[in-house]
Amino acid sequence: MCTISTTEFKNNFGKYIEMGQREEIKVLKRGRVIFTIVPESLSLLEEAKKYIGMLPKDASIGIDPYERG
């Protein structure tokens, strides 16, 4: 993760857009985070982590043998 000021972001926009594809970047204004650039792959990984452990251990993914059809 990288933390930069708004001025640094503005002056080196292209550099941080490319860097933002690989790692999280927090942009600060007067010492406070105003936005964060998060790579899409990291964002998807965090979303997937929310669902880990939701299914019971004996659950199976596939065809339900008891389903009528």
N, C-alpha and C. Protein backbone atom coordinates (compact mmCIF):
# COMPACT_ATOMS: atom_id res chain seq x y z
N MET A 1 0.85 -1.18 0.00
CA MET A 1 0.00 0.00 0.00
C MET A 1 0.89 1.24 0.00
N CYS A 2 0.44 2.24 -0.72
CA CYS A 2 1.18 3.48 -0.87
C CYS A 2 0.28 4.64 -0.41
N THR A 3 0.85 5.62 0.24
CA THR A 3 0.10 6.80 0.67
C THR A 3 0.78 8.04 0.09
N ILE A 4 -0.01 8.87 -0.59
CA ILE A 4 0.54 10.07 -1.24
C ILE A 4 -0.39 11.26 -1.01
N SER A 5 0.14 12.46 -1.26
CA SER A 5 -0.68 13.67 -1.14
C SER A 5 -1.42 13.93 -2.45
N THR A 6 -2.43 14.77 -2.39
CA THR A 6 -3.18 15.12 -3.60
C THR A 6 -2.28 15.81 -4.62
N THR A 7 -1.35 16.63 -4.15
CA THR A 7 -0.43 17.32 -5.05
C THR A 7 0.46 16.32 -5.78
N GLU A 8 0.99 15.35 -5.03
CA GLU A 8 1.82 14.31 -5.64
C GLU A 8 1.01 13.53 -6.66
N PHE A 9 -0.24 13.21 -6.33
CA PHE A 9 -1.10 12.47 -7.25
C PHE A 9 -1.35 13.28 -8.51
N LYS A 10 -1.65 14.56 -8.34
CA LYS A 10 -1.93 15.43 -9.48
C LYS A 10 -0.71 15.57 -10.39
N ASN A 11 0.46 15.75 -9.80
CA ASN A 11 1.68 15.95 -10.59
C ASN A 11 2.18 14.69 -11.29
N ASN A 12 1.81 13.51 -10.77
CA ASN A 12 2.29 12.24 -11.34
C ASN A 12 1.13 11.28 -11.58
N PHE A 13 0.05 11.81 -12.13
CA PHE A 13 -1.19 11.05 -12.33
C PHE A 13 -0.96 9.72 -13.05
N GLY A 14 -0.30 9.75 -14.18
CA GLY A 14 -0.07 8.54 -14.98
C GLY A 14 0.68 7.47 -14.21
N LYS A 15 1.68 7.88 -13.47
CA LYS A 15 2.48 6.94 -12.68
C LYS A 15 1.60 6.22 -11.66
N TYR A 16 0.73 6.97 -10.97
CA TYR A 16 -0.09 6.37 -9.92
C TYR A 16 -1.26 5.57 -10.48
N ILE A 17 -1.74 5.90 -11.67
CA ILE A 17 -2.77 5.09 -12.30
C ILE A 17 -2.19 3.72 -12.64
N GLU A 18 -0.98 3.69 -13.18
CA GLU A 18 -0.32 2.41 -13.47
C GLU A 18 -0.03 1.64 -12.19
N MET A 19 0.46 2.32 -11.17
CA MET A 19 0.77 1.69 -9.90
C MET A 19 -0.51 1.17 -9.24
N GLY A 20 -1.61 1.89 -9.42
CA GLY A 20 -2.89 1.51 -8.84
C GLY A 20 -3.47 0.23 -9.41
N GLN A 21 -2.93 -0.23 -10.53
CA GLN A 21 -3.37 -1.50 -11.11
C GLN A 21 -2.75 -2.67 -10.36
N ARG A 22 -1.70 -2.41 -9.58
CA ARG A 22 -0.98 -3.47 -8.88
C ARG A 22 -1.14 -3.41 -7.36
N GLU A 23 -1.33 -2.20 -6.82
CA GLU A 23 -1.40 -2.06 -5.37
C GLU A 23 -2.36 -0.95 -4.96
N GLU A 24 -2.78 -0.99 -3.71
CA GLU A 24 -3.70 0.01 -3.18
C GLU A 24 -2.96 1.32 -2.93
N ILE A 25 -3.59 2.44 -3.29
CA ILE A 25 -3.00 3.76 -3.08
C ILE A 25 -4.01 4.63 -2.34
N LYS A 26 -3.60 5.18 -1.20
CA LYS A 26 -4.44 6.12 -0.45
C LYS A 26 -3.96 7.53 -0.75
N VAL A 27 -4.89 8.42 -1.12
CA VAL A 27 -4.56 9.79 -1.45
C VAL A 27 -5.04 10.69 -0.32
N LEU A 28 -4.11 11.49 0.24
CA LEU A 28 -4.40 12.34 1.39
C LEU A 28 -4.49 13.81 1.02
N LYS A 29 -5.37 14.50 1.70
CA LYS A 29 -5.44 15.96 1.60
C LYS A 29 -5.44 16.48 3.03
N ARG A 30 -4.42 17.25 3.35
CA ARG A 30 -4.25 17.78 4.71
C ARG A 30 -4.23 16.66 5.75
N GLY A 31 -3.59 15.55 5.40
CA GLY A 31 -3.42 14.44 6.33
C GLY A 31 -4.60 13.50 6.47
N ARG A 32 -5.67 13.72 5.70
CA ARG A 32 -6.85 12.86 5.78
C ARG A 32 -7.04 12.14 4.44
N VAL A 33 -7.39 10.87 4.51
CA VAL A 33 -7.64 10.11 3.28
C VAL A 33 -8.90 10.64 2.62
N ILE A 34 -8.78 11.03 1.34
CA ILE A 34 -9.97 11.51 0.63
C ILE A 34 -10.46 10.49 -0.40
N PHE A 35 -9.55 9.64 -0.90
CA PHE A 35 -9.97 8.52 -1.72
C PHE A 35 -8.86 7.48 -1.78
N THR A 36 -9.26 6.28 -2.19
CA THR A 36 -8.34 5.17 -2.28
C THR A 36 -8.50 4.53 -3.65
N ILE A 37 -7.38 4.25 -4.28
CA ILE A 37 -7.39 3.51 -5.54
C ILE A 37 -7.12 2.06 -5.19
N VAL A 38 -8.02 1.17 -5.62
CA VAL A 38 -7.89 -0.25 -5.31
C VAL A 38 -7.90 -1.02 -6.62
N PRO A 39 -6.89 -1.87 -6.84
CA PRO A 39 -6.89 -2.68 -8.06
C PRO A 39 -8.14 -3.56 -8.10
N GLU A 40 -8.69 -3.76 -9.29
CA GLU A 40 -9.91 -4.55 -9.42
C GLU A 40 -9.72 -5.96 -8.88
N SER A 41 -8.57 -6.56 -9.12
CA SER A 41 -8.34 -7.93 -8.64
C SER A 41 -8.38 -7.99 -7.11
N LEU A 42 -7.84 -6.98 -6.45
CA LEU A 42 -7.87 -6.94 -4.99
C LEU A 42 -9.30 -6.73 -4.50
N SER A 43 -10.04 -5.88 -5.19
CA SER A 43 -11.42 -5.61 -4.83
C SER A 43 -12.25 -6.88 -4.92
N LEU A 44 -12.07 -7.67 -5.99
CA LEU A 44 -12.80 -8.91 -6.15
C LEU A 44 -12.41 -9.92 -5.08
N LEU A 45 -11.14 -9.97 -4.73
CA LEU A 45 -10.67 -10.88 -3.69
C LEU A 45 -11.32 -10.55 -2.35
N GLU A 46 -11.39 -9.27 -2.01
CA GLU A 46 -12.02 -8.86 -0.76
C GLU A 46 -13.51 -9.23 -0.74
N GLU A 47 -14.19 -9.08 -1.89
CA GLU A 47 -15.59 -9.46 -1.98
C GLU A 47 -15.75 -10.96 -1.75
N ALA A 48 -14.87 -11.77 -2.36
CA ALA A 48 -14.95 -13.21 -2.23
C ALA A 48 -14.72 -13.64 -0.78
N LYS A 49 -13.83 -12.97 -0.07
CA LYS A 49 -13.52 -13.32 1.32
C LYS A 49 -14.75 -13.19 2.23
N LYS A 50 -15.69 -12.33 1.86
CA LYS A 50 -16.90 -12.15 2.66
C LYS A 50 -17.73 -13.42 2.70
N TYR A 51 -17.63 -14.23 1.65
CA TYR A 51 -18.49 -15.41 1.53
C TYR A 51 -17.83 -16.70 2.01
N ILE A 52 -16.55 -16.67 2.32
CA ILE A 52 -15.87 -17.86 2.79
C ILE A 52 -16.44 -18.26 4.14
N GLY A 53 -16.80 -19.51 4.25
CA GLY A 53 -17.34 -20.02 5.51
C GLY A 53 -18.84 -19.89 5.66
N MET A 54 -19.53 -19.37 4.65
CA MET A 54 -20.98 -19.22 4.76
C MET A 54 -21.73 -20.54 4.59
N LEU A 55 -21.22 -21.42 3.73
CA LEU A 55 -21.88 -22.70 3.50
C LEU A 55 -21.53 -23.67 4.62
N PRO A 56 -22.46 -24.53 4.99
CA PRO A 56 -22.13 -25.58 5.97
C PRO A 56 -21.06 -26.50 5.39
N LYS A 57 -20.31 -27.14 6.26
CA LYS A 57 -19.21 -28.01 5.81
C LYS A 57 -19.70 -29.19 4.98
N ASP A 58 -20.92 -29.67 5.22
CA ASP A 58 -21.42 -30.81 4.47
C ASP A 58 -22.14 -30.42 3.18
N ALA A 59 -22.13 -29.15 2.82
CA ALA A 59 -22.79 -28.69 1.60
C ALA A 59 -21.97 -29.11 0.39
N SER A 60 -22.69 -29.42 -0.69
CA SER A 60 -22.00 -29.75 -1.93
C SER A 60 -22.48 -28.80 -3.02
N ILE A 61 -21.62 -28.57 -3.94
CA ILE A 61 -21.97 -27.69 -5.05
C ILE A 61 -22.11 -28.59 -6.26
N GLY A 62 -23.26 -28.59 -6.86
CA GLY A 62 -23.52 -29.45 -8.02
C GLY A 62 -24.99 -29.79 -8.10
N ILE A 63 -25.26 -30.96 -8.64
CA ILE A 63 -26.64 -31.40 -8.82
C ILE A 63 -27.17 -31.96 -7.51
N ASP A 64 -28.36 -31.50 -7.14
CA ASP A 64 -29.02 -31.98 -5.92
C ASP A 64 -29.75 -33.27 -6.25
N PRO A 65 -29.36 -34.39 -5.62
CA PRO A 65 -30.00 -35.67 -5.94
C PRO A 65 -31.47 -35.72 -5.53
N TYR A 66 -31.89 -34.84 -4.66
CA TYR A 66 -33.28 -34.84 -4.20
C TYR A 66 -34.16 -33.87 -4.96
N GLU A 67 -33.58 -33.12 -5.87
CA GLU A 67 -34.35 -32.14 -6.64
C GLU A 67 -35.13 -32.86 -7.73
N ARG A 68 -36.42 -32.47 -7.85
CA ARG A 68 -37.23 -33.06 -8.92
C ARG A 68 -36.88 -32.41 -10.24
N GLY A 69 -36.92 -33.17 -11.29
CA GLY A 69 -36.61 -32.54 -12.56
C GLY A 69 -36.78 -33.36 -13.74
